[in-house]
């Protein structure tokens, strides 16, 4: 009977012990969680620091080119004509870069020059003209034989078809002679305005503007036109220059496009007409680096013609077997 009151005391002691244990557990759990919060809080900051270390330094922004003042029509025409005069001084020997001895050879060579270089045409035509010196000969040659003769120029099947077609037309409609009128030339298979203007300007002395890929590119860079269509470019440029200048202007601009003002990387730093060009800076402006981009006689390399004019200052091109 004397031990009965001890039970409540034992219960109280057990409760106290349980409370202490629970408090200790909570404290331990809280202590464990606290550093985790710190670590979680520190992680983004650490990540930012790491990212900041790894991120490459931003390159300084390029300064925008100063805006050009709007140019009046009169000012553009004056600048264009000055460019022509300076190109005439730079290329007094400018000429068609296709080898030819008569209008028929020039017509054939110009048709062959599509989608290839004048050099490759000049390396191909000696053998071709040895076999087919006249329209009558070319009209009668088997297509397969003609294709083999002109194969180095590419697209030889389509070109052979055009050559046989135009030769047949010359034989049947023009007495075996190349006509000297634009309206007649463009009726021949494979002959457009560009080819017709080349033939008229260089075989007949009839002024014409030859808009090939080089001429069109430079006409746009010089600010003479914004047109992409060849006939529109021709019309725009024809309004700027006197008719007497058209043929030689074409040669000078094409010469400059092939030697200095290249499509992908123009040699701006070595261009004598850079001060007159609104597109200066599209290419390499460092003079020494630009000088290495010059081609043909300006770069100390052979030209495109195997038989260049006597006043050409560069070296003649090599025949196909030796190149």
C-alpha atoms as a PDB file:
ATOM      1  CA  UNK A   1       0.000   0.000   0.000  1.00  0.00           C
ATOM      2  CA  UNK A   2       2.882   2.476   0.775  1.00  0.00           C
ATOM      3  CA  UNK A   3       4.215   2.201  -2.876  1.00  0.00           C
ATOM      4  CA  UNK A   4       0.966   3.282  -4.634  1.00  0.00           C
ATOM      5  CA  UNK A   5       1.634   7.103  -4.590  1.00  0.00           C
ATOM      6  CA  UNK A   6       4.941   6.622  -6.493  1.00  0.00           C
ATOM      7  CA  UNK A   7       3.137   5.880  -9.788  1.00  0.00           C
ATOM      8  CA  UNK A   8       2.190   9.503 -10.570  1.00  0.00           C
ATOM      9  CA  UNK A   9       5.774  10.631  -9.916  1.00  0.00           C
ATOM     10  CA  UNK A  10       7.022   8.018 -12.342  1.00  0.00           C
ATOM     11  CA  UNK A  11       4.536   9.268 -14.960  1.00  0.00           C
ATOM     12  CA  UNK A  12       5.698  12.886 -14.482  1.00  0.00           C
ATOM     13  CA  UNK A  13       9.330  11.862 -14.810  1.00  0.00           C
ATOM     14  CA  UNK A  14       8.569   9.914 -17.982  1.00  0.00           C
ATOM     15  CA  UNK A  15       6.700  12.916 -19.440  1.00  0.00           C
ATOM     16  CA  UNK A  16       9.601  15.262 -18.629  1.00  0.00           C
ATOM     17  CA  UNK A  17      12.075  12.854 -20.174  1.00  0.00           C
ATOM     18  CA  UNK A  18       9.917  12.536 -23.304  1.00  0.00           C
ATOM     19  CA  UNK A  19       9.602  16.341 -23.556  1.00  0.00           C
ATOM     20  CA  UNK A  20      13.340  16.817 -23.250  1.00  0.00           C
ATOM     21  CA  UNK A  21      13.946  14.147 -25.869  1.00  0.00           C
ATOM     22  CA  UNK A  22      11.443  15.761 -28.265  1.00  0.00           C
ATOM     23  CA  UNK A  23      12.987  19.232 -27.730  1.00  0.00           C
ATOM     24  CA  UNK A  24      16.467  17.866 -28.300  1.00  0.00           C
ATOM     25  CA  UNK A  25      15.327  16.121 -31.481  1.00  0.00           C
ATOM     26  CA  UNK A  26      13.709  19.353 -32.775  1.00  0.00           C
ATOM     27  CA  UNK A  27      16.836  21.330 -31.922  1.00  0.00           C
ATOM     28  CA  UNK A  28      19.036  18.803 -33.711  1.00  0.00           C
ATOM     29  CA  UNK A  29      16.737  18.763 -36.757  1.00  0.00           C
ATOM     30  CA  UNK A  30      16.625  22.561 -36.854  1.00  0.00           C
ATOM     31  CA  UNK A  31      20.388  22.716 -36.507  1.00  0.00           C
ATOM     32  CA  UNK A  32      20.764  20.322 -39.419  1.00  0.00           C
ATOM     33  CA  UNK A  33      18.322  22.309 -41.592  1.00  0.00           C
ATOM     34  CA  UNK A  34      19.907  25.711 -40.885  1.00  0.00           C
ATOM     35  CA  UNK A  35      23.176  25.041 -42.733  1.00  0.00           C
ATOM     36  CA  UNK A  36      21.183  23.551 -45.610  1.00  0.00           C
ATOM     37  CA  UNK A  37      19.327  26.882 -45.938  1.00  0.00           C
ATOM     38  CA  UNK A  38      22.628  28.731 -45.881  1.00  0.00           C
ATOM     39  CA  UNK A  39      24.048  26.447 -48.519  1.00  0.00           C
ATOM     40  CA  UNK A  40      20.925  26.824 -50.635  1.00  0.00           C
ATOM     41  CA  UNK A  41      21.105  30.573 -50.249  1.00  0.00           C
ATOM     42  CA  UNK A  42      24.806  30.596 -51.106  1.00  0.00           C
ATOM     43  CA  UNK A  43      24.474  28.386 -54.204  1.00  0.00           C
ATOM     44  CA  UNK A  44      22.985  30.998 -56.616  1.00  0.00           C
ATOM     45  CA  UNK A  45      25.585  33.555 -55.586  1.00  0.00           C
ATOM     46  CA  UNK A  46      28.370  31.031 -56.089  1.00  0.00           C
ATOM     47  CA  UNK A  47      26.885  30.033 -59.422  1.00  0.00           C
ATOM     48  CA  UNK A  48      26.788  33.689 -60.489  1.00  0.00           C
ATOM     49  CA  UNK A  49      30.435  34.138 -59.519  1.00  0.00           C
ATOM     50  CA  UNK A  50      31.412  30.977 -61.417  1.00  0.00           C
ATOM     51  CA  UNK A  51      29.396  32.064 -64.456  1.00  0.00           C
ATOM     52  CA  UNK A  52      30.976  35.510 -64.274  1.00  0.00           C
ATOM     53  CA  UNK A  53      34.410  33.910 -64.303  1.00  0.00           C
ATOM     54  CA  UNK A  54      33.567  31.612 -67.225  1.00  0.00           C
ATOM     55  CA  UNK A  55      31.685  34.171 -69.366  1.00  0.00           C
ATOM     56  CA  UNK A  56      33.989  35.688 -72.008  1.00  0.00           C
ATOM     57  CA  UNK A  57      34.463  39.406 -71.945  1.00  0.00           C
ATOM     58  CA  UNK A  58      32.145  41.200 -74.338  1.00  0.00           C
ATOM     59  CA  UNK A  59      33.881  42.693 -77.368  1.00  0.00           C
ATOM     60  CA  UNK A  60      33.543  46.460 -77.558  1.00  0.00           C
ATOM     61  CA  UNK A  61      30.716  47.457 -79.864  1.00  0.00           C
ATOM     62  CA  UNK A  62      31.787  48.627 -83.307  1.00  0.00           C
ATOM     63  CA  UNK A  63      31.259  52.268 -84.010  1.00  0.00           C
ATOM     64  CA  UNK A  64      28.598  52.820 -86.613  1.00  0.00           C
ATOM     65  CA  UNK A  65      29.821  54.385 -89.826  1.00  0.00           C
ATOM     66  CA  UNK A  66      28.899  58.050 -90.031  1.00  0.00           C
ATOM     67  CA  UNK A  67      25.699  58.561 -91.990  1.00  0.00           C
ATOM     68  CA  UNK A  68      26.285  59.922 -95.480  1.00  0.00           C
ATOM     69  CA  UNK A  69      24.521  63.031 -96.592  1.00  0.00           C
ATOM     70  CA  UNK A  70      21.856  62.436 -99.209  1.00  0.00           C
ATOM     71  CA  UNK A  71      23.346  62.808-102.680  1.00  0.00           C
ATOM     72  CA  UNK A  72      21.551  64.764-105.349  1.00  0.00           C
ATOM     73  CA  UNK A  73      21.130  63.355-108.850  1.00  0.00           C
ATOM     74  CA  UNK A  74      23.531  65.938-110.249  1.00  0.00           C
ATOM     75  CA  UNK A  75      26.176  65.104-107.629  1.00  0.00           C
ATOM     76  CA  UNK A  76      25.830  61.366-108.313  1.00  0.00           C
ATOM     77  CA  UNK A  77      26.256  61.867-112.069  1.00  0.00           C
ATOM     78  CA  UNK A  78      29.368  64.006-111.520  1.00  0.00           C
ATOM     79  CA  UNK A  79      30.842  61.421-109.161  1.00  0.00           C
ATOM     80  CA  UNK A  80      30.012  58.585-111.587  1.00  0.00           C
ATOM     81  CA  UNK A  81      31.722  60.330-114.482  1.00  0.00           C
ATOM     82  CA  UNK A  82      34.753  61.038-112.335  1.00  0.00           C
ATOM     83  CA  UNK A  83      34.933  57.344-111.435  1.00  0.00           C
ATOM     84  CA  UNK A  84      34.906  56.545-115.152  1.00  0.00           C
ATOM     85  CA  UNK A  85      37.761  58.990-115.786  1.00  0.00           C
ATOM     86  CA  UNK A  86      39.824  57.539-112.965  1.00  0.00           C
ATOM     87  CA  UNK A  87      39.179  53.990-114.149  1.00  0.00           C
ATOM     88  CA  UNK A  88      40.341  55.078-117.612  1.00  0.00           C
ATOM     89  CA  UNK A  89      43.633  56.227-116.086  1.00  0.00           C
ATOM     90  CA  UNK A  90      43.944  53.028-114.059  1.00  0.00           C
ATOM     91  CA  UNK A  91      43.121  50.697-116.978  1.00  0.00           C
ATOM     92  CA  UNK A  92      44.148  52.440-120.224  1.00  0.00           C
ATOM     93  CA  UNK A  93      44.545  48.940-121.663  1.00  0.00           C
ATOM     94  CA  UNK A  94      41.028  47.707-120.746  1.00  0.00           C
ATOM     95  CA  UNK A  95      39.684  45.358-123.406  1.00  0.00           C
ATOM     96  CA  UNK A  96      37.331  42.396-123.870  1.00  0.00           C
ATOM     97  CA  UNK A  97      38.979  39.439-122.165  1.00  0.00           C
ATOM     98  CA  UNK A  98      37.908  36.898-124.755  1.00  0.00           C
ATOM     99  CA  UNK A  99      40.282  35.896-127.557  1.00  0.00           C
ATOM    100  CA  UNK A 100      38.665  36.310-130.982  1.00  0.00           C
ATOM    101  CA  UNK A 101      39.602  37.061-134.575  1.00  0.00           C
ATOM    102  CA  UNK A 102      36.224  37.877-136.113  1.00  0.00           C
ATOM    103  CA  UNK A 103      32.568  38.514-135.114  1.00  0.00           C
ATOM    104  CA  UNK A 104      31.641  34.810-135.309  1.00  0.00           C
ATOM    105  CA  UNK A 105      34.455  33.802-132.936  1.00  0.00           C
ATOM    106  CA  UNK A 106      33.483  36.558-130.501  1.00  0.00           C
ATOM    107  CA  UNK A 107      29.827  35.499-130.632  1.00  0.00           C
ATOM    108  CA  UNK A 108      30.688  31.848-129.946  1.00  0.00           C
ATOM    109  CA  UNK A 109      33.165  32.730-127.187  1.00  0.00           C
ATOM    110  CA  UNK A 110      30.631  34.974-125.455  1.00  0.00           C
ATOM    111  CA  UNK A 111      27.990  32.234-125.477  1.00  0.00           C
ATOM    112  CA  UNK A 112      30.548  29.820-124.018  1.00  0.00           C
ATOM    113  CA  UNK A 113      31.515  32.299-121.271  1.00  0.00           C
ATOM    114  CA  UNK A 114      28.226  31.795-119.403  1.00  0.00           C
ATOM    115  CA  UNK A 115      28.846  30.241-115.960  1.00  0.00           C
ATOM    116  CA  UNK A 116      32.601  30.006-116.469  1.00  0.00           C
ATOM    117  CA  UNK A 117      35.672  32.234-116.724  1.00  0.00           C
ATOM    118  CA  UNK A 118      36.952  33.974-119.831  1.00  0.00           C
ATOM    119  CA  UNK A 119      40.237  32.188-119.171  1.00  0.00           C
ATOM    120  CA  UNK A 120      38.627  28.760-119.518  1.00  0.00           C
ATOM    121  CA  UNK A 121      36.875  29.857-122.715  1.00  0.00           C
ATOM    122  CA  UNK A 122      40.144  31.164-124.165  1.00  0.00           C
ATOM    123  CA  UNK A 123      41.809  27.861-123.339  1.00  0.00           C
ATOM    124  CA  UNK A 124      39.008  25.962-125.104  1.00  0.00           C
ATOM    125  CA  UNK A 125      38.290  27.941-128.290  1.00  0.00           C
ATOM    126  CA  UNK A 126      41.579  27.380-130.212  1.00  0.00           C
ATOM    127  CA  UNK A 127      40.760  23.688-130.624  1.00  0.00           C
ATOM    128  CA  UNK A 128      37.097  24.462-131.298  1.00  0.00           C
ATOM    129  CA  UNK A 129      37.794  27.003-134.051  1.00  0.00           C
ATOM    130  CA  UNK A 130      40.357  24.699-135.648  1.00  0.00           C
ATOM    131  CA  UNK A 131      37.502  22.227-136.229  1.00  0.00           C
ATOM    132  CA  UNK A 132      34.645  24.741-136.743  1.00  0.00           C
ATOM    133  CA  UNK A 133      35.986  28.001-138.181  1.00  0.00           C
ATOM    134  CA  UNK A 134      32.660  29.072-139.763  1.00  0.00           C
ATOM    135  CA  UNK A 135      28.933  28.968-138.960  1.00  0.00           C
ATOM    136  CA  UNK A 136      28.488  26.402-141.734  1.00  0.00           C
ATOM    137  CA  UNK A 137      31.030  24.083-140.104  1.00  0.00           C
ATOM    138  CA  UNK A 138      29.494  24.442-136.662  1.00  0.00           C
ATOM    139  CA  UNK A 139      25.968  23.896-137.958  1.00  0.00           C
ATOM    140  CA  UNK A 140      27.033  20.587-139.527  1.00  0.00           C
ATOM    141  CA  UNK A 141      29.099  19.111-136.688  1.00  0.00           C
ATOM    142  CA  UNK A 142      27.586  16.152-134.783  1.00  0.00           C
ATOM    143  CA  UNK A 143      26.335  17.379-131.368  1.00  0.00           C
ATOM    144  CA  UNK A 144      28.378  14.753-129.490  1.00  0.00           C
ATOM    145  CA  UNK A 145      31.600  15.933-131.120  1.00  0.00           C
ATOM    146  CA  UNK A 146      30.831  19.582-130.327  1.00  0.00           C
ATOM    147  CA  UNK A 147      30.017  18.695-126.740  1.00  0.00           C
ATOM    148  CA  UNK A 148      33.428  17.089-126.310  1.00  0.00           C
ATOM    149  CA  UNK A 149      35.178  20.112-127.796  1.00  0.00           C
ATOM    150  CA  UNK A 150      33.513  22.567-125.405  1.00  0.00           C
ATOM    151  CA  UNK A 151      33.279  20.272-122.347  1.00  0.00           C
ATOM    152  CA  UNK A 152      35.872  22.276-120.299  1.00  0.00           C
ATOM    153  CA  UNK A 153      33.540  25.295-120.230  1.00  0.00           C
ATOM    154  CA  UNK A 154      30.776  23.437-118.371  1.00  0.00           C
ATOM    155  CA  UNK A 155      27.084  23.061-119.254  1.00  0.00           C
ATOM    156  CA  UNK A 156      28.407  21.700-122.544  1.00  0.00           C
ATOM    157  CA  UNK A 157      25.174  20.026-123.704  1.00  0.00           C
ATOM    158  CA  UNK A 158      23.071  23.186-123.424  1.00  0.00           C
ATOM    159  CA  UNK A 159      25.848  25.293-124.929  1.00  0.00           C
ATOM    160  CA  UNK A 160      26.334  22.878-127.824  1.00  0.00           C
ATOM    161  CA  UNK A 161      22.622  23.093-128.587  1.00  0.00           C
ATOM    162  CA  UNK A 162      22.800  26.911-128.600  1.00  0.00           C
ATOM    163  CA  UNK A 163      25.915  26.983-130.798  1.00  0.00           C
ATOM    164  CA  UNK A 164      24.449  24.612-133.377  1.00  0.00           C
ATOM    165  CA  UNK A 165      21.194  26.576-133.308  1.00  0.00           C
ATOM    166  CA  UNK A 166      22.783  29.984-133.767  1.00  0.00           C
ATOM    167  CA  UNK A 167      25.164  28.668-136.445  1.00  0.00           C
ATOM    168  CA  UNK A 168      22.231  27.191-138.355  1.00  0.00           C
ATOM    169  CA  UNK A 169      20.379  30.516-138.091  1.00  0.00           C
ATOM    170  CA  UNK A 170      23.429  32.442-139.328  1.00  0.00           C
ATOM    171  CA  UNK A 171      23.776  30.064-142.253  1.00  0.00           C
ATOM    172  CA  UNK A 172      20.097  30.017-143.211  1.00  0.00           C
ATOM    173  CA  UNK A 173      18.928  33.532-142.354  1.00  0.00           C
ATOM    174  CA  UNK A 174      21.976  35.788-142.488  1.00  0.00           C
ATOM    175  CA  UNK A 175      24.119  34.310-145.265  1.00  0.00           C
ATOM    176  CA  UNK A 176      26.694  32.922-142.841  1.00  0.00           C
ATOM    177  CA  UNK A 177      27.444  36.384-141.419  1.00  0.00           C
ATOM    178  CA  UNK A 178      26.932  37.716-137.902  1.00  0.00           C
ATOM    179  CA  UNK A 179      24.386  40.560-138.065  1.00  0.00           C
ATOM    180  CA  UNK A 180      25.351  43.986-136.776  1.00  0.00           C
ATOM    181  CA  UNK A 181      22.009  44.916-135.230  1.00  0.00           C
ATOM    182  CA  UNK A 182      20.806  44.237-131.703  1.00  0.00           C
ATOM    183  CA  UNK A 183      17.303  43.263-132.828  1.00  0.00           C
ATOM    184  CA  UNK A 184      18.770  40.582-135.127  1.00  0.00           C
ATOM    185  CA  UNK A 185      21.337  39.238-132.697  1.00  0.00           C
ATOM    186  CA  UNK A 186      18.830  38.602-129.903  1.00  0.00           C
ATOM    187  CA  UNK A 187      16.808  36.328-132.227  1.00  0.00           C
ATOM    188  CA  UNK A 188      19.690  33.829-132.296  1.00  0.00           C
ATOM    189  CA  UNK A 189      19.534  30.836-129.900  1.00  0.00           C
ATOM    190  CA  UNK A 190      21.494  31.470-126.698  1.00  0.00           C
ATOM    191  CA  UNK A 191      21.983  35.189-127.419  1.00  0.00           C
ATOM    192  CA  UNK A 192      20.603  37.824-125.032  1.00  0.00           C
ATOM    193  CA  UNK A 193      21.216  41.546-124.661  1.00  0.00           C
ATOM    194  CA  UNK A 194      24.504  41.060-122.806  1.00  0.00           C
ATOM    195  CA  UNK A 195      25.984  38.845-125.533  1.00  0.00           C
ATOM    196  CA  UNK A 196      24.597  41.108-128.252  1.00  0.00           C
ATOM    197  CA  UNK A 197      26.151  44.208-126.667  1.00  0.00           C
ATOM    198  CA  UNK A 198      29.530  42.463-126.351  1.00  0.00           C
ATOM    199  CA  UNK A 199      29.486  41.566-130.057  1.00  0.00           C
ATOM    200  CA  UNK A 200      28.196  44.958-131.215  1.00  0.00           C
ATOM    201  CA  UNK A 201      30.629  46.967-129.111  1.00  0.00           C
ATOM    202  CA  UNK A 202      33.751  44.953-129.857  1.00  0.00           C
ATOM    203  CA  UNK A 203      33.196  43.551-133.348  1.00  0.00           C
ATOM    204  CA  UNK A 204      31.139  46.331-134.938  1.00  0.00           C
ATOM    205  CA  UNK A 205      32.002  49.462-132.948  1.00  0.00           C
ATOM    206  CA  UNK A 206      28.382  49.993-131.908  1.00  0.00           C
ATOM    207  CA  UNK A 207      28.262  51.411-128.335  1.00  0.00           C
ATOM    208  CA  UNK A 208      26.648  49.169-125.763  1.00  0.00           C
ATOM    209  CA  UNK A 209      26.650  48.527-122.014  1.00  0.00           C
ATOM    210  CA  UNK A 210      27.525  44.958-121.052  1.00  0.00           C
ATOM    211  CA  UNK A 211      25.850  44.072-117.762  1.00  0.00           C
ATOM    212  CA  UNK A 212      27.515  40.932-116.489  1.00  0.00           C
ATOM    213  CA  UNK A 213      27.787  39.931-112.832  1.00  0.00           C
ATOM    214  CA  UNK A 214      30.792  42.222-112.251  1.00  0.00           C
ATOM    215  CA  UNK A 215      29.263  45.275-113.903  1.00  0.00           C
ATOM    216  CA  UNK A 216      25.963  44.899-112.040  1.00  0.00           C
ATOM    217  CA  UNK A 217      27.711  44.486-108.675  1.00  0.00           C
ATOM    218  CA  UNK A 218      29.902  47.565-109.104  1.00  0.00           C
ATOM    219  CA  UNK A 219      27.102  49.714-110.516  1.00  0.00           C
ATOM    220  CA  UNK A 220      25.178  49.058-107.290  1.00  0.00           C
ATOM    221  CA  UNK A 221      28.222  49.596-105.053  1.00  0.00           C
ATOM    222  CA  UNK A 222      28.973  52.878-106.806  1.00  0.00           C
ATOM    223  CA  UNK A 223      25.394  54.006-106.251  1.00  0.00           C
ATOM    224  CA  UNK A 224      24.555  54.248-109.960  1.00  0.00           C
ATOM    225  CA  UNK A 225      21.542  51.959-109.593  1.00  0.00           C
ATOM    226  CA  UNK A 226      19.707  49.836-107.055  1.00  0.00           C
ATOM    227  CA  UNK A 227      18.288  47.466-109.663  1.00  0.00           C
ATOM    228  CA  UNK A 228      19.049  43.746-109.771  1.00  0.00           C
ATOM    229  CA  UNK A 229      17.587  43.129-113.222  1.00  0.00           C
ATOM    230  CA  UNK A 230      20.279  43.417-115.919  1.00  0.00           C
ATOM    231  CA  UNK A 231      18.132  45.371-118.361  1.00  0.00           C
ATOM    232  CA  UNK A 232      17.132  47.870-115.658  1.00  0.00           C
ATOM    233  CA  UNK A 233      20.799  48.288-114.659  1.00  0.00           C
ATOM    234  CA  UNK A 234      21.664  48.910-118.305  1.00  0.00           C
ATOM    235  CA  UNK A 235      18.922  51.533-118.629  1.00  0.00           C
ATOM    236  CA  UNK A 236      19.908  53.310-115.388  1.00  0.00           C
ATOM    237  CA  UNK A 237      23.604  53.480-116.305  1.00  0.00           C
ATOM    238  CA  UNK A 238      22.849  54.561-119.880  1.00  0.00           C
ATOM    239  CA  UNK A 239      21.193  57.714-118.482  1.00  0.00           C
ATOM    240  CA  UNK A 240      24.384  58.680-116.598  1.00  0.00           C
ATOM    241  CA  UNK A 241      27.026  58.380-119.324  1.00  0.00           C
ATOM    242  CA  UNK A 242      27.220  59.581-122.924  1.00  0.00           C
ATOM    243  CA  UNK A 243      26.655  56.844-125.480  1.00  0.00           C
ATOM    244  CA  UNK A 244      30.203  57.167-126.811  1.00  0.00           C
ATOM    245  CA  UNK A 245      31.501  55.929-123.438  1.00  0.00           C
ATOM    246  CA  UNK A 246      29.304  52.849-123.057  1.00  0.00           C
ATOM    247  CA  UNK A 247      31.605  50.153-124.471  1.00  0.00           C
ATOM    248  CA  UNK A 248      34.810  51.296-122.782  1.00  0.00           C
ATOM    249  CA  UNK A 249      32.961  52.017-119.531  1.00  0.00           C
ATOM    250  CA  UNK A 250      31.841  48.377-119.564  1.00  0.00           C
ATOM    251  CA  UNK A 251      35.421  47.132-119.992  1.00  0.00           C
ATOM    252  CA  UNK A 252      36.789  49.410-117.257  1.00  0.00           C
ATOM    253  CA  UNK A 253      34.141  48.495-114.710  1.00  0.00           C
ATOM    254  CA  UNK A 254      34.474  44.760-115.424  1.00  0.00           C
ATOM    255  CA  UNK A 255      38.271  45.028-115.214  1.00  0.00           C
ATOM    256  CA  UNK A 256      37.976  46.714-111.819  1.00  0.00           C
ATOM    257  CA  UNK A 257      35.476  44.140-110.584  1.00  0.00           C
ATOM    258  CA  UNK A 258      37.754  41.256-111.525  1.00  0.00           C
ATOM    259  CA  UNK A 259      40.935  42.774-110.135  1.00  0.00           C
ATOM    260  CA  UNK A 260      39.986  44.881-107.116  1.00  0.00           C
ATOM    261  CA  UNK A 261      36.285  45.072-106.259  1.00  0.00           C
ATOM    262  CA  UNK A 262      35.635  41.362-105.747  1.00  0.00           C
ATOM    263  CA  UNK A 263      32.259  39.950-104.850  1.00  0.00           C
ATOM    264  CA  UNK A 264      33.073  38.437-101.457  1.00  0.00           C
ATOM    265  CA  UNK A 265      36.064  40.438-100.295  1.00  0.00           C
ATOM    266  CA  UNK A 266      36.744  43.669-102.173  1.00  0.00           C
ATOM    267  CA  UNK A 267      40.211  45.143-101.737  1.00  0.00           C
ATOM    268  CA  UNK A 268      38.999  48.504-100.448  1.00  0.00           C
ATOM    269  CA  UNK A 269      42.359  49.427 -98.905  1.00  0.00           C
ATOM    270  CA  UNK A 270      44.113  49.102-102.283  1.00  0.00           C
ATOM    271  CA  UNK A 271      41.406  50.751-104.390  1.00  0.00           C
ATOM    272  CA  UNK A 272      42.453  53.989-106.126  1.00  0.00           C
ATOM    273  CA  UNK A 273      38.849  55.182-106.366  1.00  0.00           C
ATOM    274  CA  UNK A 274      37.963  54.469-102.736  1.00  0.00           C
ATOM    275  CA  UNK A 275      37.356  58.180-101.937  1.00  0.00           C
ATOM    276  CA  UNK A 276      34.607  58.229-104.583  1.00  0.00           C
ATOM    277  CA  UNK A 277      32.946  54.970-103.512  1.00  0.00           C
ATOM    278  CA  UNK A 278      29.941  55.058-101.154  1.00  0.00           C
ATOM    279  CA  UNK A 279      30.506  51.372-100.383  1.00  0.00           C
ATOM    280  CA  UNK A 280      34.066  51.802 -99.080  1.00  0.00           C
ATOM    281  CA  UNK A 281      34.555  49.560 -96.054  1.00  0.00           C
ATOM    282  CA  UNK A 282      32.591  46.547 -97.305  1.00  0.00           C
ATOM    283  CA  UNK A 283      35.900  44.790 -97.855  1.00  0.00           C
ATOM    284  CA  UNK A 284      39.454  44.754 -96.487  1.00  0.00           C
ATOM    285  CA  UNK A 285      40.552  48.313 -95.630  1.00  0.00           C
ATOM    286  CA  UNK A 286      44.068  47.541 -94.407  1.00  0.00           C
ATOM    287  CA  UNK A 287      46.332  48.549 -97.338  1.00  0.00           C
ATOM    288  CA  UNK A 288      48.796  45.684 -96.939  1.00  0.00           C
ATOM    289  CA  UNK A 289      46.116  43.011 -96.547  1.00  0.00           C
ATOM    290  CA  UNK A 290      44.094  44.516 -99.382  1.00  0.00           C
ATOM    291  CA  UNK A 291      47.102  44.488-101.697  1.00  0.00           C
ATOM    292  CA  UNK A 292      47.262  40.688-101.372  1.00  0.00           C
ATOM    293  CA  UNK A 293      43.720  40.437-102.741  1.00  0.00           C
ATOM    294  CA  UNK A 294      44.553  42.074-106.096  1.00  0.00           C
ATOM    295  CA  UNK A 295      44.351  39.812-109.142  1.00  0.00           C
ATOM    296  CA  UNK A 296      45.785  39.431-112.628  1.00  0.00           C
ATOM    297  CA  UNK A 297      48.314  42.071-113.700  1.00  0.00           C
ATOM    298  CA  UNK A 298      47.712  44.135-110.526  1.00  0.00           C
ATOM    299  CA  UNK A 299      48.612  41.097-108.435  1.00  0.00           C
ATOM    300  CA  UNK A 300      51.530  39.956-110.594  1.00  0.00           C
ATOM    301  CA  UNK A 301      49.538  37.061-112.088  1.00  0.00           C
ATOM    302  CA  UNK A 302      48.865  36.062-115.718  1.00  0.00           C
ATOM    303  CA  UNK A 303      45.815  37.559-117.370  1.00  0.00           C
ATOM    304  CA  UNK A 304      42.870  35.752-118.975  1.00  0.00           C
ATOM    305  CA  UNK A 305      43.761  36.038-122.647  1.00  0.00           C
ATOM    306  CA  UNK A 306      46.226  33.748-124.368  1.00  0.00           C
ATOM    307  CA  UNK A 307      46.693  36.496-126.970  1.00  0.00           C
ATOM    308  CA  UNK A 308      46.233  39.813-125.140  1.00  0.00           C
ATOM    309  CA  UNK A 309      46.501  43.194-126.895  1.00  0.00           C
ATOM    310  CA  UNK A 310      50.020  44.565-127.341  1.00  0.00           C
ATOM    311  CA  UNK A 311      49.480  47.289-124.720  1.00  0.00           C
ATOM    312  CA  UNK A 312      48.449  44.832-121.993  1.00  0.00           C
ATOM    313  CA  UNK A 313      51.062  45.133-119.211  1.00  0.00           C
ATOM    314  CA  UNK A 314      50.567  41.671-117.727  1.00  0.00           C
ATOM    315  CA  UNK A 315      51.516  38.164-118.723  1.00  0.00           C
ATOM    316  CA  UNK A 316      49.401  36.150-121.190  1.00  0.00           C
ATOM    317  CA  UNK A 317      47.405  33.213-119.870  1.00  0.00           C
ATOM    318  CA  UNK A 318      48.710  29.685-120.273  1.00  0.00           C
ATOM    319  CA  UNK A 319      47.087  27.142-122.614  1.00  0.00           C
ATOM    320  CA  UNK A 320      44.820  24.543-121.014  1.00  0.00           C
ATOM    321  CA  UNK A 321      47.426  21.734-121.111  1.00  0.00           C
ATOM    322  CA  UNK A 322      50.054  23.907-119.395  1.00  0.00           C
ATOM    323  CA  UNK A 323      47.838  25.528-116.748  1.00  0.00           C
END
